[in-house]
Amino acid sequence: MNDARDAMLAKIRAALRDVPSSERPGDVTIDRGYRTEDAASDTERIHLFVERVSEYKATVRTVAPADLPRAIADACRTRGVKRLAVPADLPPEWEPAGVALVREPGLTNDDLEGCDGVLTASALGIAQTGTIVLDSGPAQGRRAISLLPDYHLCVIREEQVVGLVPEAVARLTAAAADPSRPITFISGPSATSDIELSRVEGVHGPRTLEVLVVRSPTLVPVPEPS
């Protein structure tokens, strides 16, 4: 690992060799002519988000705010979840009956690996890429709790979904400036492929991702993905 790191840093130094020592990042103009705002309607954006998340082999359901506690309980029952890791500030109404909650802080890796799943909120959703973003904010907990359990049940509100990646980056400015708040981008269940393109799931995080999209009363309901 150290050899690979040294080799990579050496290549970076070589690429920067002709940069004057007096040059600063602000001295170089960067073309930012790409789109920074999505022109799609709210309904179109939510439709795209649900579609893209589903394409990543995640389970996606849209629910009314009043039905969210029942949807969480149903998801846990369907998956056979008996022990559920949750952030310390999980909303009380989200707590599913009949499930033992293993609550932060202070959970060890063994504690987390012994759980059947984890339940968190989220910071943002990106329709363009079907990505969910966690920024260690309210009801999200620290990064480890969303990586070690094999099943992640994630709640996101429709008003948290933006259209484009630049919009998400702009909203994450405060979290990015805080070293204590790591940002995690989740595009479907964890998966990787080796050089022969053999797909392996669950290497860097949960093998199963289930997303509950909570409807906004101002938007047209989004149909379930086919």
C-alpha atoms as a PDB file:
ATOM      1  CA  MET A   1       0.000   0.000   0.000  1.00  0.00           C
ATOM      2  CA  ASN A   2       2.802   2.449   0.851  1.00  0.00           C
ATOM      3  CA  ASP A   3       4.582   1.679  -2.443  1.00  0.00           C
ATOM      4  CA  ALA A   4       1.411   2.435  -4.404  1.00  0.00           C
ATOM      5  CA  ARG A   5       0.889   5.669  -2.461  1.00  0.00           C
ATOM      6  CA  ASP A   6       4.460   6.768  -3.063  1.00  0.00           C
ATOM      7  CA  ALA A   7       4.185   5.993  -6.769  1.00  0.00           C
ATOM      8  CA  MET A   8       0.975   8.013  -7.084  1.00  0.00           C
ATOM      9  CA  LEU A   9       2.395  11.001  -5.212  1.00  0.00           C
ATOM     10  CA  ALA A  10       5.519  10.874  -7.382  1.00  0.00           C
ATOM     11  CA  LYS A  11       3.388  11.119 -10.519  1.00  0.00           C
ATOM     12  CA  ILE A  12       1.502  14.096  -9.083  1.00  0.00           C
ATOM     13  CA  ARG A  13       4.747  15.875  -8.236  1.00  0.00           C
ATOM     14  CA  ALA A  14       6.058  15.212 -11.744  1.00  0.00           C
ATOM     15  CA  ALA A  15       2.879  16.625 -13.304  1.00  0.00           C
ATOM     16  CA  LEU A  16       3.179  19.776 -11.185  1.00  0.00           C
ATOM     17  CA  ARG A  17       6.879  20.308 -11.808  1.00  0.00           C
ATOM     18  CA  ASP A  18       6.359  23.153 -14.310  1.00  0.00           C
ATOM     19  CA  VAL A  19       3.904  25.067 -12.090  1.00  0.00           C
ATOM     20  CA  PRO A  20       5.522  28.257 -10.718  1.00  0.00           C
ATOM     21  CA  SER A  21       5.866  28.275  -6.936  1.00  0.00           C
ATOM     22  CA  SER A  22       4.156  31.658  -6.814  1.00  0.00           C
ATOM     23  CA  GLU A  23       1.001  30.400  -8.550  1.00  0.00           C
ATOM     24  CA  ARG A  24      -2.141  30.036  -6.461  1.00  0.00           C
ATOM     25  CA  PRO A  25      -5.362  28.117  -7.285  1.00  0.00           C
ATOM     26  CA  GLY A  26      -7.251  31.353  -7.850  1.00  0.00           C
ATOM     27  CA  ASP A  27      -4.799  32.403 -10.547  1.00  0.00           C
ATOM     28  CA  VAL A  28      -6.085  29.769 -12.974  1.00  0.00           C
ATOM     29  CA  THR A  29      -9.457  30.275 -14.624  1.00  0.00           C
ATOM     30  CA  ILE A  30     -11.638  27.174 -14.635  1.00  0.00           C
ATOM     31  CA  ASP A  31     -14.417  26.802 -17.168  1.00  0.00           C
ATOM     32  CA  ARG A  32     -17.669  26.408 -15.253  1.00  0.00           C
ATOM     33  CA  GLY A  33     -19.983  26.558 -18.211  1.00  0.00           C
ATOM     34  CA  TYR A  34     -21.740  23.365 -17.205  1.00  0.00           C
ATOM     35  CA  ARG A  35     -25.330  23.402 -15.949  1.00  0.00           C
ATOM     36  CA  THR A  36     -25.703  24.323 -12.282  1.00  0.00           C
ATOM     37  CA  GLU A  37     -29.501  24.332 -12.073  1.00  0.00           C
ATOM     38  CA  ASP A  38     -32.004  21.747 -13.219  1.00  0.00           C
ATOM     39  CA  ALA A  39     -34.786  23.058 -15.445  1.00  0.00           C
ATOM     40  CA  ALA A  40     -37.047  20.048 -14.794  1.00  0.00           C
ATOM     41  CA  SER A  41     -40.217  20.428 -12.762  1.00  0.00           C
ATOM     42  CA  ASP A  42     -40.407  19.082  -9.206  1.00  0.00           C
ATOM     43  CA  THR A  43     -42.504  16.146 -10.363  1.00  0.00           C
ATOM     44  CA  GLU A  44     -40.127  15.299 -13.227  1.00  0.00           C
ATOM     45  CA  ARG A  45     -37.166  15.461 -10.864  1.00  0.00           C
ATOM     46  CA  ILE A  46     -38.721  13.067  -8.357  1.00  0.00           C
ATOM     47  CA  HIS A  47     -39.759  10.671 -11.140  1.00  0.00           C
ATOM     48  CA  LEU A  48     -36.172  10.606 -12.410  1.00  0.00           C
ATOM     49  CA  PHE A  49     -34.730  10.095  -8.930  1.00  0.00           C
ATOM     50  CA  VAL A  50     -36.983   7.097  -8.245  1.00  0.00           C
ATOM     51  CA  GLU A  51     -36.196   5.634 -11.664  1.00  0.00           C
ATOM     52  CA  ARG A  52     -32.421   6.048 -11.343  1.00  0.00           C
ATOM     53  CA  VAL A  53     -32.247   4.674  -7.794  1.00  0.00           C
ATOM     54  CA  SER A  54     -34.260   1.639  -8.934  1.00  0.00           C
ATOM     55  CA  GLU A  55     -31.839   1.056 -11.815  1.00  0.00           C
ATOM     56  CA  TYR A  56     -29.096   0.487  -9.231  1.00  0.00           C
ATOM     57  CA  LYS A  57     -31.002  -2.561  -7.925  1.00  0.00           C
ATOM     58  CA  ALA A  58     -32.207  -0.703  -4.867  1.00  0.00           C
ATOM     59  CA  THR A  59     -35.767  -1.079  -3.626  1.00  0.00           C
ATOM     60  CA  VAL A  60     -37.632   2.232  -3.730  1.00  0.00           C
ATOM     61  CA  ARG A  61     -41.045   3.059  -2.330  1.00  0.00           C
ATOM     62  CA  THR A  62     -42.846   6.374  -2.060  1.00  0.00           C
ATOM     63  CA  VAL A  63     -44.913   6.871   1.065  1.00  0.00           C
ATOM     64  CA  ALA A  64     -47.085   9.569   2.572  1.00  0.00           C
ATOM     65  CA  PRO A  65     -45.664  11.243   5.698  1.00  0.00           C
ATOM     66  CA  ALA A  66     -48.334   9.671   7.894  1.00  0.00           C
ATOM     67  CA  ASP A  67     -47.518   6.211   6.520  1.00  0.00           C
ATOM     68  CA  LEU A  68     -43.742   6.391   7.091  1.00  0.00           C
ATOM     69  CA  PRO A  69     -43.659   4.634  10.502  1.00  0.00           C
ATOM     70  CA  ARG A  70     -45.715   1.765   9.127  1.00  0.00           C
ATOM     71  CA  ALA A  71     -43.543   1.557   6.002  1.00  0.00           C
ATOM     72  CA  ILE A  72     -40.414   1.310   8.173  1.00  0.00           C
ATOM     73  CA  ALA A  73     -41.976  -1.449  10.279  1.00  0.00           C
ATOM     74  CA  ASP A  74     -43.144  -3.314   7.160  1.00  0.00           C
ATOM     75  CA  ALA A  75     -39.667  -3.108   5.590  1.00  0.00           C
ATOM     76  CA  CYS A  76     -38.047  -4.531   8.735  1.00  0.00           C
ATOM     77  CA  ARG A  77     -40.615  -7.310   8.979  1.00  0.00           C
ATOM     78  CA  THR A  78     -40.195  -8.241   5.307  1.00  0.00           C
ATOM     79  CA  ARG A  79     -36.397  -8.430   5.696  1.00  0.00           C
ATOM     80  CA  GLY A  80     -36.609 -10.328   8.976  1.00  0.00           C
ATOM     81  CA  VAL A  81     -34.773  -7.560  10.827  1.00  0.00           C
ATOM     82  CA  LYS A  82     -34.494  -8.270  14.559  1.00  0.00           C
ATOM     83  CA  ARG A  83     -31.610  -5.954  15.500  1.00  0.00           C
ATOM     84  CA  LEU A  84     -31.448  -2.525  13.891  1.00  0.00           C
ATOM     85  CA  ALA A  85     -28.615  -0.007  14.251  1.00  0.00           C
ATOM     86  CA  VAL A  86     -29.912   3.559  14.509  1.00  0.00           C
ATOM     87  CA  PRO A  87     -28.465   7.048  15.108  1.00  0.00           C
ATOM     88  CA  ALA A  88     -28.836   8.563  18.558  1.00  0.00           C
ATOM     89  CA  ASP A  89     -31.256  11.212  17.258  1.00  0.00           C
ATOM     90  CA  LEU A  90     -33.555   8.921  15.267  1.00  0.00           C
ATOM     91  CA  PRO A  91     -37.097  10.378  15.390  1.00  0.00           C
ATOM     92  CA  PRO A  92     -39.087   8.369  17.980  1.00  0.00           C
ATOM     93  CA  GLU A  93     -41.982   7.856  15.567  1.00  0.00           C
ATOM     94  CA  TRP A  94     -39.645   5.979  13.213  1.00  0.00           C
ATOM     95  CA  GLU A  95     -38.857   3.259  15.770  1.00  0.00           C
ATOM     96  CA  PRO A  96     -40.360  -0.023  14.509  1.00  0.00           C
ATOM     97  CA  ALA A  97     -42.182  -2.171  17.055  1.00  0.00           C
ATOM     98  CA  GLY A  98     -40.775  -5.628  17.730  1.00  0.00           C
ATOM     99  CA  VAL A  99     -37.254  -4.706  16.647  1.00  0.00           C
ATOM    100  CA  ALA A 100     -34.337  -4.322  19.051  1.00  0.00           C
ATOM    101  CA  LEU A 101     -32.728  -0.938  18.429  1.00  0.00           C
ATOM    102  CA  VAL A 102     -28.952  -0.786  18.784  1.00  0.00           C
ATOM    103  CA  ARG A 103     -28.378   2.903  19.259  1.00  0.00           C
ATOM    104  CA  GLU A 104     -25.360   5.112  18.778  1.00  0.00           C
ATOM    105  CA  PRO A 105     -23.055   6.420  20.172  1.00  0.00           C
ATOM    106  CA  GLY A 106     -20.495   3.896  21.349  1.00  0.00           C
ATOM    107  CA  LEU A 107     -21.199   1.003  18.994  1.00  0.00           C
ATOM    108  CA  THR A 108     -18.169  -1.067  18.053  1.00  0.00           C
ATOM    109  CA  ASN A 109     -17.626  -2.584  14.616  1.00  0.00           C
ATOM    110  CA  ASP A 110     -18.621  -5.958  16.058  1.00  0.00           C
ATOM    111  CA  ASP A 111     -21.847  -4.426  17.391  1.00  0.00           C
ATOM    112  CA  LEU A 112     -22.655  -3.043  13.959  1.00  0.00           C
ATOM    113  CA  GLU A 113     -21.780  -6.233  12.110  1.00  0.00           C
ATOM    114  CA  GLY A 114     -24.080  -8.113  14.483  1.00  0.00           C
ATOM    115  CA  CYS A 115     -27.055  -5.997  13.410  1.00  0.00           C
ATOM    116  CA  ASP A 116     -29.456  -7.091  10.695  1.00  0.00           C
ATOM    117  CA  GLY A 117     -29.570  -3.601   9.241  1.00  0.00           C
ATOM    118  CA  VAL A 118     -29.372   0.129   9.789  1.00  0.00           C
ATOM    119  CA  LEU A 119     -32.001   2.858   9.544  1.00  0.00           C
ATOM    120  CA  THR A 120     -30.961   6.430   8.716  1.00  0.00           C
ATOM    121  CA  ALA A 121     -32.249   9.644   7.271  1.00  0.00           C
ATOM    122  CA  SER A 122     -30.312  11.382   4.502  1.00  0.00           C
ATOM    123  CA  ALA A 123     -29.064  14.818   3.559  1.00  0.00           C
ATOM    124  CA  LEU A 124     -29.780  14.914  -0.173  1.00  0.00           C
ATOM    125  CA  GLY A 125     -30.790  12.960  -3.212  1.00  0.00           C
ATOM    126  CA  ILE A 126     -29.494  13.594  -6.750  1.00  0.00           C
ATOM    127  CA  ALA A 127     -31.930  12.760  -9.531  1.00  0.00           C
ATOM    128  CA  GLN A 128     -29.346  12.924 -12.324  1.00  0.00           C
ATOM    129  CA  THR A 129     -27.299  10.070 -10.854  1.00  0.00           C
ATOM    130  CA  GLY A 130     -29.757   8.292  -8.566  1.00  0.00           C
ATOM    131  CA  THR A 131     -27.483   9.079  -5.642  1.00  0.00           C
ATOM    132  CA  ILE A 132     -28.284   9.470  -1.952  1.00  0.00           C
ATOM    133  CA  VAL A 133     -25.980  11.674   0.106  1.00  0.00           C
ATOM    134  CA  LEU A 134     -25.303  11.376   3.830  1.00  0.00           C
ATOM    135  CA  ASP A 135     -23.421  14.211   5.542  1.00  0.00           C
ATOM    136  CA  SER A 136     -23.467  13.093   9.196  1.00  0.00           C
ATOM    137  CA  GLY A 137     -26.370  15.443   9.820  1.00  0.00           C
ATOM    138  CA  PRO A 138     -29.639  14.857  11.728  1.00  0.00           C
ATOM    139  CA  ALA A 139     -30.735  11.209  12.065  1.00  0.00           C
ATOM    140  CA  GLN A 140     -27.814   9.988   9.946  1.00  0.00           C
ATOM    141  CA  GLY A 141     -25.193   9.065  12.528  1.00  0.00           C
ATOM    142  CA  ARG A 142     -21.540   8.524  11.758  1.00  0.00           C
ATOM    143  CA  ARG A 143     -20.361   6.982   8.512  1.00  0.00           C
ATOM    144  CA  ALA A 144     -19.625   3.513   9.943  1.00  0.00           C
ATOM    145  CA  ILE A 145     -23.218   2.729  10.807  1.00  0.00           C
ATOM    146  CA  SER A 146     -24.255   2.983   7.163  1.00  0.00           C
ATOM    147  CA  LEU A 147     -21.331   0.851   5.929  1.00  0.00           C
ATOM    148  CA  LEU A 148     -21.074  -2.207   8.172  1.00  0.00           C
ATOM    149  CA  PRO A 149     -24.624  -3.646   8.435  1.00  0.00           C
ATOM    150  CA  ASP A 150     -25.668  -5.644   5.371  1.00  0.00           C
ATOM    151  CA  TYR A 151     -29.002  -3.851   4.911  1.00  0.00           C
ATOM    152  CA  HIS A 152     -29.548  -0.086   4.776  1.00  0.00           C
ATOM    153  CA  LEU A 153     -33.039   1.346   5.091  1.00  0.00           C
ATOM    154  CA  CYS A 154     -32.803   5.027   4.161  1.00  0.00           C
ATOM    155  CA  VAL A 155     -35.454   7.729   4.402  1.00  0.00           C
ATOM    156  CA  ILE A 156     -35.411  10.773   2.135  1.00  0.00           C
ATOM    157  CA  ARG A 157     -37.993  13.531   1.687  1.00  0.00           C
ATOM    158  CA  GLU A 158     -38.982  14.640  -1.800  1.00  0.00           C
ATOM    159  CA  GLU A 159     -37.937  18.206  -1.031  1.00  0.00           C
ATOM    160  CA  GLN A 160     -34.390  16.953  -0.371  1.00  0.00           C
ATOM    161  CA  VAL A 161     -33.983  15.753  -3.959  1.00  0.00           C
ATOM    162  CA  VAL A 162     -32.071  18.061  -6.298  1.00  0.00           C
ATOM    163  CA  GLY A 163     -31.668  17.616 -10.024  1.00  0.00           C
ATOM    164  CA  LEU A 164     -27.940  17.906 -10.684  1.00  0.00           C
ATOM    165  CA  VAL A 165     -24.642  17.129  -8.967  1.00  0.00           C
ATOM    166  CA  PRO A 166     -23.559  20.832  -8.865  1.00  0.00           C
ATOM    167  CA  GLU A 167     -26.755  21.636  -6.952  1.00  0.00           C
ATOM    168  CA  ALA A 168     -25.907  18.954  -4.397  1.00  0.00           C
ATOM    169  CA  VAL A 169     -22.334  20.196  -4.043  1.00  0.00           C
ATOM    170  CA  ALA A 170     -23.594  23.727  -3.376  1.00  0.00           C
ATOM    171  CA  ARG A 171     -25.873  22.477  -0.611  1.00  0.00           C
ATOM    172  CA  LEU A 172     -23.061  20.486   1.001  1.00  0.00           C
ATOM    173  CA  THR A 173     -20.780  23.493   1.535  1.00  0.00           C
ATOM    174  CA  ALA A 174     -21.257  23.625   5.321  1.00  0.00           C
ATOM    175  CA  ALA A 175     -20.696  19.905   5.800  1.00  0.00           C
ATOM    176  CA  ALA A 176     -17.638  19.937   3.544  1.00  0.00           C
ATOM    177  CA  ALA A 177     -16.070  22.674   5.661  1.00  0.00           C
ATOM    178  CA  ASP A 178     -16.482  20.619   8.859  1.00  0.00           C
ATOM    179  CA  PRO A 179     -13.824  17.873   9.271  1.00  0.00           C
ATOM    180  CA  SER A 180     -16.081  16.057  11.743  1.00  0.00           C
ATOM    181  CA  ARG A 181     -18.795  15.525   9.114  1.00  0.00           C
ATOM    182  CA  PRO A 182     -17.710  13.017   6.447  1.00  0.00           C
ATOM    183  CA  ILE A 183     -19.867  12.991   3.321  1.00  0.00           C
ATOM    184  CA  THR A 184     -20.963   9.680   1.811  1.00  0.00           C
ATOM    185  CA  PHE A 185     -22.410   9.303  -1.698  1.00  0.00           C
ATOM    186  CA  ILE A 186     -24.522   6.162  -2.124  1.00  0.00           C
ATOM    187  CA  SER A 187     -25.512   5.022  -5.601  1.00  0.00           C
ATOM    188  CA  GLY A 188     -27.232   1.698  -5.045  1.00  0.00           C
ATOM    189  CA  PRO A 189     -26.054  -1.258  -2.941  1.00  0.00           C
ATOM    190  CA  SER A 190     -22.304  -1.620  -2.513  1.00  0.00           C
ATOM    191  CA  ALA A 191     -20.710  -3.495  -5.404  1.00  0.00           C
ATOM    192  CA  THR A 192     -17.395  -3.825  -7.182  1.00  0.00           C
ATOM    193  CA  SER A 193     -15.931  -5.777 -10.081  1.00  0.00           C
ATOM    194  CA  ASP A 194     -12.528  -7.377 -10.545  1.00  0.00           C
ATOM    195  CA  ILE A 195     -10.460  -7.252 -13.710  1.00  0.00           C
ATOM    196  CA  GLU A 196     -12.616 -10.004 -15.228  1.00  0.00           C
ATOM    197  CA  LEU A 197     -15.756  -7.958 -14.459  1.00  0.00           C
ATOM    198  CA  SER A 198     -17.040 -10.441 -11.906  1.00  0.00           C
ATOM    199  CA  ARG A 199     -19.478  -8.424  -9.805  1.00  0.00           C
ATOM    200  CA  VAL A 200     -19.222  -8.774  -6.035  1.00  0.00           C
ATOM    201  CA  GLU A 201     -21.751  -7.079  -3.774  1.00  0.00           C
ATOM    202  CA  GLY A 202     -21.348  -5.951  -0.190  1.00  0.00           C
ATOM    203  CA  VAL A 203     -17.608  -5.279  -0.282  1.00  0.00           C
ATOM    204  CA  HIS A 204     -17.631  -1.611   0.727  1.00  0.00           C
ATOM    205  CA  GLY A 205     -21.050  -1.376   2.337  1.00  0.00           C
ATOM    206  CA  PRO A 206     -24.532  -2.923   2.485  1.00  0.00           C
ATOM    207  CA  ARG A 207     -25.549  -5.499  -0.102  1.00  0.00           C
ATOM    208  CA  THR A 208     -29.150  -4.343   0.120  1.00  0.00           C
ATOM    209  CA  LEU A 209     -30.388  -0.761  -0.093  1.00  0.00           C
ATOM    210  CA  GLU A 210     -34.021   0.155   0.465  1.00  0.00           C
ATOM    211  CA  VAL A 211     -35.173   3.742   0.070  1.00  0.00           C
ATOM    212  CA  LEU A 212     -38.373   5.263   1.405  1.00  0.00           C
ATOM    213  CA  VAL A 213     -39.191   8.506  -0.403  1.00  0.00           C
ATOM    214  CA  VAL A 214     -41.537  10.604   1.720  1.00  0.00           C
ATOM    215  CA  ARG A 215     -44.011  12.516  -0.420  1.00  0.00           C
ATOM    216  CA  SER A 216     -44.338  16.268  -0.265  1.00  0.00           C
ATOM    217  CA  PRO A 217     -47.936  17.514  -0.123  1.00  0.00           C
ATOM    218  CA  THR A 218     -47.126  20.056  -2.853  1.00  0.00           C
ATOM    219  CA  LEU A 219     -45.984  17.493  -5.440  1.00  0.00           C
ATOM    220  CA  VAL A 220     -47.917  15.027  -7.592  1.00  0.00           C
ATOM    221  CA  PRO A 221     -47.546  11.486  -6.178  1.00  0.00           C
ATOM    222  CA  VAL A 222     -44.846   9.451  -7.906  1.00  0.00           C
ATOM    223  CA  PRO A 223     -45.866   5.935  -9.016  1.00  0.00           C
ATOM    224  CA  GLU A 224     -43.957   2.920  -7.740  1.00  0.00           C
ATOM    225  CA  PRO A 225     -41.162   1.744 -10.103  1.00  0.00           C
ATOM    226  CA  SER A 226     -42.138  -1.179 -12.325  1.00  0.00           C
END
